[in-house]
């Protein structure tokens, strides 16, 4: 992937190169951080403009001044102090929905909403992306990107660092089995409500202890509201922070399975987890001492450490 920006700033190639720059910043961010969502919205707008410019750069020109069209065509300005103006993003999306058959009104609507989030993040006191779970937008983001990339003759691996995960998220949008998970949740909730108070309290205490002792990302069960655990698979790069006495590594995790021992609910698969609000990416954090990370231990110290019984689990609930 090349990040070089071209001379003609309204050309499809130049716009794609800049979209790729933003996508690269998104890909090196942790998925539950606000920067991840912000970079995604910036990359999406530039990718949409690149797709429209690929049909014709003139389609980007604000029509109130013919010189904008000349600029879009790469011609030098014929007036002093001329500043070219392009159409707004909503108009870009409206034109794409007419010109690209696969760019439906639904996809255009998502793009418009996601870019509005960007505007709120940048131009107001709102912290929109801080509280926005990835299950609300990431699958649709990748679907929109795939459609726009196809219009450019490109594929997901030209734009994202983990195209297989992106494709999995796209497929989760059309997974019919995911809709059945709501019935499963309701069935477990009914059984839970029918238990007597003593049984529910005992199960709740057991779930609290279990979720604390075991590795995983702690969440609330959608059936019984007890503490439960998500497991996930690593996605994207590892972010490393080196301090004076410790080294912290973080990595994005995409949920793969859920279990609640209080009511017995189990859910497997990202599409099903997303359908019931459990599909948000989370962060796995590991803290090392400087000696551990840089392998500064002696052989004797390492052997002693191996013989020690660990009494903790990795932390998957980083905030």
C-alpha atoms as a PDB file:
ATOM      1  CA  UNK A   1       0.000   0.000   0.000  1.00  0.00           C
ATOM      2  CA  UNK A   2       1.319   3.402  -0.969  1.00  0.00           C
ATOM      3  CA  UNK A   3       0.569   6.563   0.976  1.00  0.00           C
ATOM      4  CA  UNK A   4       2.022   9.062  -1.508  1.00  0.00           C
ATOM      5  CA  UNK A   5      -0.278  12.039  -2.140  1.00  0.00           C
ATOM      6  CA  UNK A   6      -0.608  13.174  -5.769  1.00  0.00           C
ATOM      7  CA  UNK A   7      -0.235  16.719  -7.131  1.00  0.00           C
ATOM      8  CA  UNK A   8      -3.842  17.141  -8.296  1.00  0.00           C
ATOM      9  CA  UNK A   9      -5.623  17.271  -4.951  1.00  0.00           C
ATOM     10  CA  UNK A  10      -9.044  16.420  -6.410  1.00  0.00           C
ATOM     11  CA  UNK A  11      -7.912  13.421  -8.424  1.00  0.00           C
ATOM     12  CA  UNK A  12      -9.180  10.007  -7.416  1.00  0.00           C
ATOM     13  CA  UNK A  13      -5.607   8.845  -6.802  1.00  0.00           C
ATOM     14  CA  UNK A  14      -4.780  11.763  -4.510  1.00  0.00           C
ATOM     15  CA  UNK A  15      -7.982  11.359  -2.523  1.00  0.00           C
ATOM     16  CA  UNK A  16      -7.449   7.617  -2.174  1.00  0.00           C
ATOM     17  CA  UNK A  17      -3.878   8.175  -0.988  1.00  0.00           C
ATOM     18  CA  UNK A  18      -5.100  10.508   1.737  1.00  0.00           C
ATOM     19  CA  UNK A  19      -7.918   8.132   2.690  1.00  0.00           C
ATOM     20  CA  UNK A  20      -5.268   5.448   3.010  1.00  0.00           C
ATOM     21  CA  UNK A  21      -3.208   7.662   5.317  1.00  0.00           C
ATOM     22  CA  UNK A  22      -6.224   8.020   7.610  1.00  0.00           C
ATOM     23  CA  UNK A  23      -6.984   4.309   7.372  1.00  0.00           C
ATOM     24  CA  UNK A  24      -3.419   3.504   8.407  1.00  0.00           C
ATOM     25  CA  UNK A  25      -3.847   5.700  11.482  1.00  0.00           C
ATOM     26  CA  UNK A  26      -7.093   3.891  12.271  1.00  0.00           C
ATOM     27  CA  UNK A  27      -5.427   0.512  11.878  1.00  0.00           C
ATOM     28  CA  UNK A  28      -2.683   1.308  14.381  1.00  0.00           C
ATOM     29  CA  UNK A  29      -5.168   2.609  16.968  1.00  0.00           C
ATOM     30  CA  UNK A  30      -6.880   0.478  19.612  1.00  0.00           C
ATOM     31  CA  UNK A  31     -10.485  -0.205  18.578  1.00  0.00           C
ATOM     32  CA  UNK A  32     -12.160   0.965  21.789  1.00  0.00           C
ATOM     33  CA  UNK A  33     -10.325   4.302  21.797  1.00  0.00           C
ATOM     34  CA  UNK A  34     -11.947   7.467  20.420  1.00  0.00           C
ATOM     35  CA  UNK A  35      -9.173   7.896  17.852  1.00  0.00           C
ATOM     36  CA  UNK A  36     -10.177   4.658  16.122  1.00  0.00           C
ATOM     37  CA  UNK A  37     -13.652   5.956  15.309  1.00  0.00           C
ATOM     38  CA  UNK A  38     -12.446   9.414  14.363  1.00  0.00           C
ATOM     39  CA  UNK A  39      -9.844   8.131  11.900  1.00  0.00           C
ATOM     40  CA  UNK A  40     -12.449   5.794  10.401  1.00  0.00           C
ATOM     41  CA  UNK A  41     -14.818   8.700   9.701  1.00  0.00           C
ATOM     42  CA  UNK A  42     -12.059  10.734   8.089  1.00  0.00           C
ATOM     43  CA  UNK A  43     -10.961   7.836   5.897  1.00  0.00           C
ATOM     44  CA  UNK A  44     -14.548   7.110   4.864  1.00  0.00           C
ATOM     45  CA  UNK A  45     -15.180  10.642   3.591  1.00  0.00           C
ATOM     46  CA  UNK A  46     -11.981  10.725   1.545  1.00  0.00           C
ATOM     47  CA  UNK A  47     -12.693   7.262   0.131  1.00  0.00           C
ATOM     48  CA  UNK A  48     -16.180   8.397  -0.928  1.00  0.00           C
ATOM     49  CA  UNK A  49     -14.717  11.461  -2.637  1.00  0.00           C
ATOM     50  CA  UNK A  50     -12.148   9.273  -4.369  1.00  0.00           C
ATOM     51  CA  UNK A  51     -14.920   7.024  -5.695  1.00  0.00           C
ATOM     52  CA  UNK A  52     -16.844  10.011  -7.074  1.00  0.00           C
ATOM     53  CA  UNK A  53     -13.706  11.515  -8.600  1.00  0.00           C
ATOM     54  CA  UNK A  54     -13.010   8.162 -10.243  1.00  0.00           C
ATOM     55  CA  UNK A  55     -16.193   8.659 -12.265  1.00  0.00           C
ATOM     56  CA  UNK A  56     -15.167  12.246 -12.984  1.00  0.00           C
ATOM     57  CA  UNK A  57     -13.320  14.809 -10.842  1.00  0.00           C
ATOM     58  CA  UNK A  58     -15.733  17.404 -12.187  1.00  0.00           C
ATOM     59  CA  UNK A  59     -18.471  15.808 -10.071  1.00  0.00           C
ATOM     60  CA  UNK A  60     -16.701  17.173  -6.991  1.00  0.00           C
ATOM     61  CA  UNK A  61     -16.806  20.777  -8.179  1.00  0.00           C
ATOM     62  CA  UNK A  62     -19.134  23.240  -6.487  1.00  0.00           C
ATOM     63  CA  UNK A  63     -21.340  24.369  -9.420  1.00  0.00           C
ATOM     64  CA  UNK A  64     -21.617  28.062  -8.472  1.00  0.00           C
ATOM     65  CA  UNK A  65     -18.274  28.856 -10.141  1.00  0.00           C
ATOM     66  CA  UNK A  66     -17.135  27.277 -13.409  1.00  0.00           C
ATOM     67  CA  UNK A  67     -13.516  27.663 -12.321  1.00  0.00           C
ATOM     68  CA  UNK A  68     -14.104  24.900  -9.779  1.00  0.00           C
ATOM     69  CA  UNK A  69     -14.661  22.530 -12.686  1.00  0.00           C
ATOM     70  CA  UNK A  70     -11.437  23.652 -14.319  1.00  0.00           C
ATOM     71  CA  UNK A  71      -9.595  22.980 -11.045  1.00  0.00           C
ATOM     72  CA  UNK A  72     -11.171  19.538 -10.848  1.00  0.00           C
ATOM     73  CA  UNK A  73      -9.828  18.833 -14.327  1.00  0.00           C
ATOM     74  CA  UNK A  74      -6.329  19.783 -13.196  1.00  0.00           C
ATOM     75  CA  UNK A  75      -6.180  23.120 -14.995  1.00  0.00           C
ATOM     76  CA  UNK A  76      -4.371  26.168 -13.609  1.00  0.00           C
ATOM     77  CA  UNK A  77      -6.596  28.951 -12.205  1.00  0.00           C
ATOM     78  CA  UNK A  78      -7.425  31.833 -14.541  1.00  0.00           C
ATOM     79  CA  UNK A  79      -8.341  34.289 -11.778  1.00  0.00           C
ATOM     80  CA  UNK A  80      -6.219  35.779  -9.028  1.00  0.00           C
ATOM     81  CA  UNK A  81      -6.809  34.686  -5.415  1.00  0.00           C
ATOM     82  CA  UNK A  82      -9.034  31.866  -6.631  1.00  0.00           C
ATOM     83  CA  UNK A  83      -9.822  29.225  -4.011  1.00  0.00           C
ATOM     84  CA  UNK A  84     -11.493  26.080  -5.371  1.00  0.00           C
ATOM     85  CA  UNK A  85     -14.592  24.807  -3.593  1.00  0.00           C
ATOM     86  CA  UNK A  86     -15.916  21.264  -3.677  1.00  0.00           C
ATOM     87  CA  UNK A  87     -19.412  19.998  -2.909  1.00  0.00           C
ATOM     88  CA  UNK A  88     -20.364  18.943   0.624  1.00  0.00           C
ATOM     89  CA  UNK A  89     -20.134  15.382   1.811  1.00  0.00           C
ATOM     90  CA  UNK A  90     -23.901  14.841   1.829  1.00  0.00           C
ATOM     91  CA  UNK A  91     -24.009  15.740  -1.848  1.00  0.00           C
ATOM     92  CA  UNK A  92     -21.066  13.398  -2.528  1.00  0.00           C
ATOM     93  CA  UNK A  93     -23.005  10.545  -0.939  1.00  0.00           C
ATOM     94  CA  UNK A  94     -26.222  11.467  -2.785  1.00  0.00           C
ATOM     95  CA  UNK A  95     -24.432  11.390  -6.132  1.00  0.00           C
ATOM     96  CA  UNK A  96     -22.734   8.082  -5.338  1.00  0.00           C
ATOM     97  CA  UNK A  97     -26.084   6.489  -4.417  1.00  0.00           C
ATOM     98  CA  UNK A  98     -27.338   7.326  -7.924  1.00  0.00           C
ATOM     99  CA  UNK A  99     -24.160   6.471  -9.810  1.00  0.00           C
ATOM    100  CA  UNK A 100     -23.052   3.280  -8.017  1.00  0.00           C
ATOM    101  CA  UNK A 101     -25.762   0.564  -7.983  1.00  0.00           C
ATOM    102  CA  UNK A 102     -24.276  -1.190  -4.928  1.00  0.00           C
ATOM    103  CA  UNK A 103     -24.042   2.046  -2.933  1.00  0.00           C
ATOM    104  CA  UNK A 104     -27.589   1.835  -1.593  1.00  0.00           C
ATOM    105  CA  UNK A 105     -29.556   4.428   0.356  1.00  0.00           C
ATOM    106  CA  UNK A 106     -28.934   2.346   3.478  1.00  0.00           C
ATOM    107  CA  UNK A 107     -25.160   2.493   3.000  1.00  0.00           C
ATOM    108  CA  UNK A 108     -25.309   6.184   2.103  1.00  0.00           C
ATOM    109  CA  UNK A 109     -27.351   6.815   5.244  1.00  0.00           C
ATOM    110  CA  UNK A 110     -24.781   5.055   7.413  1.00  0.00           C
ATOM    111  CA  UNK A 111     -21.929   7.034   5.818  1.00  0.00           C
ATOM    112  CA  UNK A 112     -23.780  10.298   6.386  1.00  0.00           C
ATOM    113  CA  UNK A 113     -24.412   9.448  10.043  1.00  0.00           C
ATOM    114  CA  UNK A 114     -20.820   8.354  10.648  1.00  0.00           C
ATOM    115  CA  UNK A 115     -19.423  11.525   9.110  1.00  0.00           C
ATOM    116  CA  UNK A 116     -21.872  13.585  11.188  1.00  0.00           C
ATOM    117  CA  UNK A 117     -20.291  11.948  14.240  1.00  0.00           C
ATOM    118  CA  UNK A 118     -16.946  13.222  12.975  1.00  0.00           C
ATOM    119  CA  UNK A 119     -18.352  16.738  12.707  1.00  0.00           C
ATOM    120  CA  UNK A 120     -19.687  16.597  16.259  1.00  0.00           C
ATOM    121  CA  UNK A 121     -16.346  15.278  17.522  1.00  0.00           C
ATOM    122  CA  UNK A 122     -14.339  18.024  15.831  1.00  0.00           C
ATOM    123  CA  UNK A 123     -16.684  21.014  16.026  1.00  0.00           C
ATOM    124  CA  UNK A 124     -18.391  20.680  19.411  1.00  0.00           C
ATOM    125  CA  UNK A 125     -17.728  19.688  22.996  1.00  0.00           C
ATOM    126  CA  UNK A 126     -19.212  16.230  22.423  1.00  0.00           C
ATOM    127  CA  UNK A 127     -16.969  13.187  22.808  1.00  0.00           C
ATOM    128  CA  UNK A 128     -18.964  11.097  20.356  1.00  0.00           C
ATOM    129  CA  UNK A 129     -16.510   8.309  19.670  1.00  0.00           C
ATOM    130  CA  UNK A 130     -15.486   7.763  23.287  1.00  0.00           C
ATOM    131  CA  UNK A 131     -18.735   6.021  24.159  1.00  0.00           C
ATOM    132  CA  UNK A 132     -19.527   4.484  20.786  1.00  0.00           C
ATOM    133  CA  UNK A 133     -19.127   0.705  20.668  1.00  0.00           C
ATOM    134  CA  UNK A 134     -17.716  -0.793  17.478  1.00  0.00           C
ATOM    135  CA  UNK A 135     -20.735  -3.116  17.117  1.00  0.00           C
ATOM    136  CA  UNK A 136     -22.775  -0.017  16.216  1.00  0.00           C
ATOM    137  CA  UNK A 137     -20.714   0.940  13.168  1.00  0.00           C
ATOM    138  CA  UNK A 138     -17.634  -1.147  12.288  1.00  0.00           C
ATOM    139  CA  UNK A 139     -19.371  -3.818  10.174  1.00  0.00           C
ATOM    140  CA  UNK A 140     -21.212  -1.180   8.137  1.00  0.00           C
ATOM    141  CA  UNK A 141     -18.028   0.855   7.808  1.00  0.00           C
ATOM    142  CA  UNK A 142     -16.219  -2.082   6.231  1.00  0.00           C
ATOM    143  CA  UNK A 143     -19.187  -2.830   3.964  1.00  0.00           C
ATOM    144  CA  UNK A 144     -19.241   0.771   2.736  1.00  0.00           C
ATOM    145  CA  UNK A 145     -15.489   0.690   2.192  1.00  0.00           C
ATOM    146  CA  UNK A 146     -15.703  -2.571   0.235  1.00  0.00           C
ATOM    147  CA  UNK A 147     -18.337  -1.124  -2.112  1.00  0.00           C
ATOM    148  CA  UNK A 148     -16.369   2.085  -2.659  1.00  0.00           C
ATOM    149  CA  UNK A 149     -13.121   0.193  -3.151  1.00  0.00           C
ATOM    150  CA  UNK A 150     -14.761  -2.098  -5.717  1.00  0.00           C
ATOM    151  CA  UNK A 151     -15.780   0.962  -7.744  1.00  0.00           C
ATOM    152  CA  UNK A 152     -12.075   1.884  -7.786  1.00  0.00           C
ATOM    153  CA  UNK A 153     -11.048  -1.600  -8.902  1.00  0.00           C
ATOM    154  CA  UNK A 154      -9.549  -2.273  -5.466  1.00  0.00           C
ATOM    155  CA  UNK A 155     -10.119  -4.749  -2.645  1.00  0.00           C
ATOM    156  CA  UNK A 156     -10.189  -4.630   1.139  1.00  0.00           C
ATOM    157  CA  UNK A 157      -6.538  -5.663   1.436  1.00  0.00           C
ATOM    158  CA  UNK A 158      -5.623  -2.476  -0.430  1.00  0.00           C
ATOM    159  CA  UNK A 159      -7.083  -0.451   2.418  1.00  0.00           C
ATOM    160  CA  UNK A 160      -7.222  -2.327   5.744  1.00  0.00           C
ATOM    161  CA  UNK A 161      -4.589  -4.191   7.734  1.00  0.00           C
ATOM    162  CA  UNK A 162      -6.809  -7.205   8.527  1.00  0.00           C
ATOM    163  CA  UNK A 163      -9.023  -7.863   5.477  1.00  0.00           C
ATOM    164  CA  UNK A 164     -10.154 -11.305   6.678  1.00  0.00           C
ATOM    165  CA  UNK A 165     -11.621  -9.847   9.876  1.00  0.00           C
ATOM    166  CA  UNK A 166     -13.186  -7.012   7.878  1.00  0.00           C
ATOM    167  CA  UNK A 167     -14.839  -9.550   5.574  1.00  0.00           C
ATOM    168  CA  UNK A 168     -16.071 -11.522   8.579  1.00  0.00           C
ATOM    169  CA  UNK A 169     -17.672  -8.393   9.989  1.00  0.00           C
ATOM    170  CA  UNK A 170     -19.342  -7.634   6.649  1.00  0.00           C
ATOM    171  CA  UNK A 171     -20.766 -11.157   6.477  1.00  0.00           C
ATOM    172  CA  UNK A 172     -22.112 -10.805  10.021  1.00  0.00           C
ATOM    173  CA  UNK A 173     -24.569  -8.173   8.753  1.00  0.00           C
ATOM    174  CA  UNK A 174     -26.366 -10.793   6.641  1.00  0.00           C
ATOM    175  CA  UNK A 175     -26.144 -13.741   9.061  1.00  0.00           C
ATOM    176  CA  UNK A 176     -29.706 -14.982   9.458  1.00  0.00           C
ATOM    177  CA  UNK A 177     -28.697 -17.177  12.400  1.00  0.00           C
ATOM    178  CA  UNK A 178     -27.758 -14.067  14.359  1.00  0.00           C
ATOM    179  CA  UNK A 179     -31.398 -12.991  14.621  1.00  0.00           C
ATOM    180  CA  UNK A 180     -32.277 -16.240  16.443  1.00  0.00           C
ATOM    181  CA  UNK A 181     -30.032 -15.343  19.362  1.00  0.00           C
ATOM    182  CA  UNK A 182     -32.708 -13.019  20.782  1.00  0.00           C
ATOM    183  CA  UNK A 183     -35.023 -15.977  21.253  1.00  0.00           C
ATOM    184  CA  UNK A 184     -32.284 -17.841  23.087  1.00  0.00           C
ATOM    185  CA  UNK A 185     -31.729 -14.861  25.385  1.00  0.00           C
ATOM    186  CA  UNK A 186     -35.440 -14.584  26.143  1.00  0.00           C
ATOM    187  CA  UNK A 187     -35.658 -18.320  26.906  1.00  0.00           C
ATOM    188  CA  UNK A 188     -32.800 -18.129  29.416  1.00  0.00           C
ATOM    189  CA  UNK A 189     -34.290 -14.975  30.946  1.00  0.00           C
ATOM    190  CA  UNK A 190     -37.609 -16.752  31.476  1.00  0.00           C
ATOM    191  CA  UNK A 191     -35.926 -19.691  33.211  1.00  0.00           C
ATOM    192  CA  UNK A 192     -33.931 -17.259  35.367  1.00  0.00           C
ATOM    193  CA  UNK A 193     -37.049 -15.363  36.479  1.00  0.00           C
ATOM    194  CA  UNK A 194     -38.774 -18.600  37.396  1.00  0.00           C
ATOM    195  CA  UNK A 195     -36.025 -19.496  39.885  1.00  0.00           C
ATOM    196  CA  UNK A 196     -36.615 -18.697  43.531  1.00  0.00           C
ATOM    197  CA  UNK A 197     -34.745 -15.796  45.136  1.00  0.00           C
ATOM    198  CA  UNK A 198     -32.290 -18.000  47.052  1.00  0.00           C
ATOM    199  CA  UNK A 199     -31.291 -19.860  43.878  1.00  0.00           C
ATOM    200  CA  UNK A 200     -30.815 -16.632  41.934  1.00  0.00           C
ATOM    201  CA  UNK A 201     -28.704 -15.084  44.697  1.00  0.00           C
ATOM    202  CA  UNK A 202     -26.528 -18.186  44.964  1.00  0.00           C
ATOM    203  CA  UNK A 203     -26.018 -18.274  41.192  1.00  0.00           C
ATOM    204  CA  UNK A 204     -25.209 -14.554  41.158  1.00  0.00           C
ATOM    205  CA  UNK A 205     -22.534 -14.927  43.838  1.00  0.00           C
ATOM    206  CA  UNK A 206     -21.047 -17.887  41.985  1.00  0.00           C
ATOM    207  CA  UNK A 207     -20.989 -15.884  38.731  1.00  0.00           C
ATOM    208  CA  UNK A 208     -19.311 -12.920  40.425  1.00  0.00           C
ATOM    209  CA  UNK A 209     -16.525 -15.116  41.796  1.00  0.00           C
ATOM    210  CA  UNK A 210     -16.119 -16.990  38.517  1.00  0.00           C
ATOM    211  CA  UNK A 211     -15.936 -13.846  36.368  1.00  0.00           C
ATOM    212  CA  UNK A 212     -13.297 -12.381  38.690  1.00  0.00           C
ATOM    213  CA  UNK A 213     -11.050 -15.459  38.716  1.00  0.00           C
ATOM    214  CA  UNK A 214     -11.107 -16.343  35.032  1.00  0.00           C
ATOM    215  CA  UNK A 215      -9.481 -14.580  32.096  1.00  0.00           C
ATOM    216  CA  UNK A 216     -11.774 -12.668  29.770  1.00  0.00           C
ATOM    217  CA  UNK A 217     -13.613  -9.401  29.310  1.00  0.00           C
ATOM    218  CA  UNK A 218     -16.282  -8.943  31.984  1.00  0.00           C
ATOM    219  CA  UNK A 219     -19.712  -7.879  30.746  1.00  0.00           C
ATOM    220  CA  UNK A 220     -23.314  -8.043  31.948  1.00  0.00           C
ATOM    221  CA  UNK A 221     -25.390 -11.005  30.821  1.00  0.00           C
ATOM    222  CA  UNK A 222     -28.319  -9.912  28.604  1.00  0.00           C
ATOM    223  CA  UNK A 223     -30.541 -12.623  30.105  1.00  0.00           C
ATOM    224  CA  UNK A 224     -29.994 -12.347  33.861  1.00  0.00           C
ATOM    225  CA  UNK A 225     -27.765  -9.250  34.301  1.00  0.00           C
ATOM    226  CA  UNK A 226     -25.129 -11.290  36.134  1.00  0.00           C
ATOM    227  CA  UNK A 227     -21.379 -10.814  35.584  1.00  0.00           C
ATOM    228  CA  UNK A 228     -20.275 -12.868  32.582  1.00  0.00           C
ATOM    229  CA  UNK A 229     -17.247 -13.216  30.323  1.00  0.00           C
ATOM    230  CA  UNK A 230     -16.461 -12.543  26.693  1.00  0.00           C
ATOM    231  CA  UNK A 231     -13.554 -14.237  24.963  1.00  0.00           C
ATOM    232  CA  UNK A 232     -11.997 -12.772  21.846  1.00  0.00           C
ATOM    233  CA  UNK A 233      -9.388 -13.081  19.149  1.00  0.00           C
ATOM    234  CA  UNK A 234      -6.598 -10.582  18.595  1.00  0.00           C
ATOM    235  CA  UNK A 235      -7.037  -8.071  15.785  1.00  0.00           C
ATOM    236  CA  UNK A 236      -4.591  -5.413  14.652  1.00  0.00           C
ATOM    237  CA  UNK A 237      -1.182  -4.376  15.950  1.00  0.00           C
ATOM    238  CA  UNK A 238       0.073  -4.371  19.527  1.00  0.00           C
ATOM    239  CA  UNK A 239       0.498  -0.911  21.074  1.00  0.00           C
ATOM    240  CA  UNK A 240       3.488  -0.746  23.436  1.00  0.00           C
ATOM    241  CA  UNK A 241       4.058   1.951  26.056  1.00  0.00           C
ATOM    242  CA  UNK A 242       7.427   1.962  27.843  1.00  0.00           C
ATOM    243  CA  UNK A 243       7.536   3.647  31.246  1.00  0.00           C
ATOM    244  CA  UNK A 244      10.258   4.006  33.860  1.00  0.00           C
ATOM    245  CA  UNK A 245       9.493   0.766  35.689  1.00  0.00           C
ATOM    246  CA  UNK A 246       7.034  -1.093  33.498  1.00  0.00           C
ATOM    247  CA  UNK A 247       6.013  -1.836  29.937  1.00  0.00           C
ATOM    248  CA  UNK A 248       2.329  -1.931  28.950  1.00  0.00           C
ATOM    249  CA  UNK A 249       1.102  -3.679  25.820  1.00  0.00           C
ATOM    250  CA  UNK A 250      -2.437  -3.337  24.501  1.00  0.00           C
ATOM    251  CA  UNK A 251      -4.177  -5.071  21.614  1.00  0.00           C
ATOM    252  CA  UNK A 252      -7.673  -4.926  20.155  1.00  0.00           C
ATOM    253  CA  UNK A 253      -9.771  -8.051  20.687  1.00  0.00           C
ATOM    254  CA  UNK A 254     -12.878  -8.902  18.655  1.00  0.00           C
ATOM    255  CA  UNK A 255     -15.414 -10.982  20.612  1.00  0.00           C
ATOM    256  CA  UNK A 256     -15.744 -14.646  19.652  1.00  0.00           C
ATOM    257  CA  UNK A 257     -17.746 -16.234  22.488  1.00  0.00           C
ATOM    258  CA  UNK A 258     -19.788 -15.398  25.574  1.00  0.00           C
ATOM    259  CA  UNK A 259     -20.632 -17.419  28.683  1.00  0.00           C
ATOM    260  CA  UNK A 260     -22.697 -16.761  31.777  1.00  0.00           C
ATOM    261  CA  UNK A 261     -22.586 -19.474  34.432  1.00  0.00           C
ATOM    262  CA  UNK A 262     -25.448 -17.914  36.397  1.00  0.00           C
ATOM    263  CA  UNK A 263     -28.176 -18.631  33.836  1.00  0.00           C
ATOM    264  CA  UNK A 264     -26.186 -20.894  31.501  1.00  0.00           C
ATOM    265  CA  UNK A 265     -26.401 -18.654  28.429  1.00  0.00           C
ATOM    266  CA  UNK A 266     -23.670 -19.267  25.850  1.00  0.00           C
ATOM    267  CA  UNK A 267     -23.245 -17.445  22.532  1.00  0.00           C
ATOM    268  CA  UNK A 268     -20.602 -18.136  19.890  1.00  0.00           C
ATOM    269  CA  UNK A 269     -19.746 -16.113  16.804  1.00  0.00           C
ATOM    270  CA  UNK A 270     -19.250 -12.422  16.194  1.00  0.00           C
ATOM    271  CA  UNK A 271     -22.465 -12.038  14.204  1.00  0.00           C
ATOM    272  CA  UNK A 272     -24.604 -13.419  17.041  1.00  0.00           C
ATOM    273  CA  UNK A 273     -22.730 -11.386  19.635  1.00  0.00           C
ATOM    274  CA  UNK A 274     -23.195  -8.220  17.585  1.00  0.00           C
ATOM    275  CA  UNK A 275     -26.916  -8.917  17.198  1.00  0.00           C
ATOM    276  CA  UNK A 276     -27.413  -8.816  20.975  1.00  0.00           C
ATOM    277  CA  UNK A 277     -25.114  -5.899  21.786  1.00  0.00           C
ATOM    278  CA  UNK A 278     -22.080  -7.930  22.834  1.00  0.00           C
ATOM    279  CA  UNK A 279     -20.037  -7.363  19.686  1.00  0.00           C
ATOM    280  CA  UNK A 280     -18.007  -4.335  20.799  1.00  0.00           C
ATOM    281  CA  UNK A 281     -14.248  -4.689  20.477  1.00  0.00           C
ATOM    282  CA  UNK A 282     -12.343  -4.606  23.751  1.00  0.00           C
ATOM    283  CA  UNK A 283      -8.723  -4.246  24.790  1.00  0.00           C
ATOM    284  CA  UNK A 284      -6.400  -6.872  26.222  1.00  0.00           C
ATOM    285  CA  UNK A 285      -3.746  -5.281  28.402  1.00  0.00           C
ATOM    286  CA  UNK A 286      -0.601  -6.921  29.720  1.00  0.00           C
ATOM    287  CA  UNK A 287       1.784  -5.204  32.143  1.00  0.00           C
ATOM    288  CA  UNK A 288       5.431  -6.304  32.348  1.00  0.00           C
ATOM    289  CA  UNK A 289       8.265  -5.176  34.533  1.00  0.00           C
ATOM    290  CA  UNK A 290      11.165  -3.754  32.563  1.00  0.00           C
ATOM    291  CA  UNK A 291      13.212  -6.846  33.432  1.00  0.00           C
ATOM    292  CA  UNK A 292      10.495  -9.185  32.120  1.00  0.00           C
ATOM    293  CA  UNK A 293       9.955  -7.315  28.875  1.00  0.00           C
ATOM    294  CA  UNK A 294      13.617  -6.833  28.006  1.00  0.00           C
ATOM    295  CA  UNK A 295      14.603 -10.294  29.244  1.00  0.00           C
ATOM    296  CA  UNK A 296      16.959  -8.989  31.935  1.00  0.00           C
ATOM    297  CA  UNK A 297      16.493 -11.909  34.344  1.00  0.00           C
ATOM    298  CA  UNK A 298      19.226 -14.373  35.195  1.00  0.00           C
ATOM    299  CA  UNK A 299      18.692 -18.059  34.523  1.00  0.00           C
ATOM    300  CA  UNK A 300      18.267 -18.722  38.255  1.00  0.00           C
ATOM    301  CA  UNK A 301      15.595 -16.019  38.583  1.00  0.00           C
ATOM    302  CA  UNK A 302      13.682 -17.377  35.603  1.00  0.00           C
ATOM    303  CA  UNK A 303      13.684 -20.880  37.034  1.00  0.00           C
ATOM    304  CA  UNK A 304      12.403 -19.565  40.358  1.00  0.00           C
ATOM    305  CA  UNK A 305       9.641 -17.638  38.584  1.00  0.00           C
ATOM    306  CA  UNK A 306       8.570 -20.740  36.648  1.00  0.00           C
ATOM    307  CA  UNK A 307       8.123 -22.616  39.910  1.00  0.00           C
ATOM    308  CA  UNK A 308       5.907 -19.934  41.411  1.00  0.00           C
ATOM    309  CA  UNK A 309       2.135 -20.437  41.307  1.00  0.00           C
ATOM    310  CA  UNK A 310       0.389 -17.602  39.497  1.00  0.00           C
ATOM    311  CA  UNK A 311      -2.564 -16.148  41.379  1.00  0.00           C
ATOM    312  CA  UNK A 312      -3.812 -13.670  38.765  1.00  0.00           C
ATOM    313  CA  UNK A 313      -5.236 -13.634  35.255  1.00  0.00           C
ATOM    314  CA  UNK A 314      -4.562 -11.264  32.336  1.00  0.00           C
ATOM    315  CA  UNK A 315      -6.632  -8.084  32.418  1.00  0.00           C
ATOM    316  CA  UNK A 316      -9.157  -7.825  29.581  1.00  0.00           C
ATOM    317  CA  UNK A 317     -11.139  -4.998  31.181  1.00  0.00           C
ATOM    318  CA  UNK A 318      -8.930  -2.039  30.413  1.00  0.00           C
ATOM    319  CA  UNK A 319     -10.679   1.345  30.569  1.00  0.00           C
END
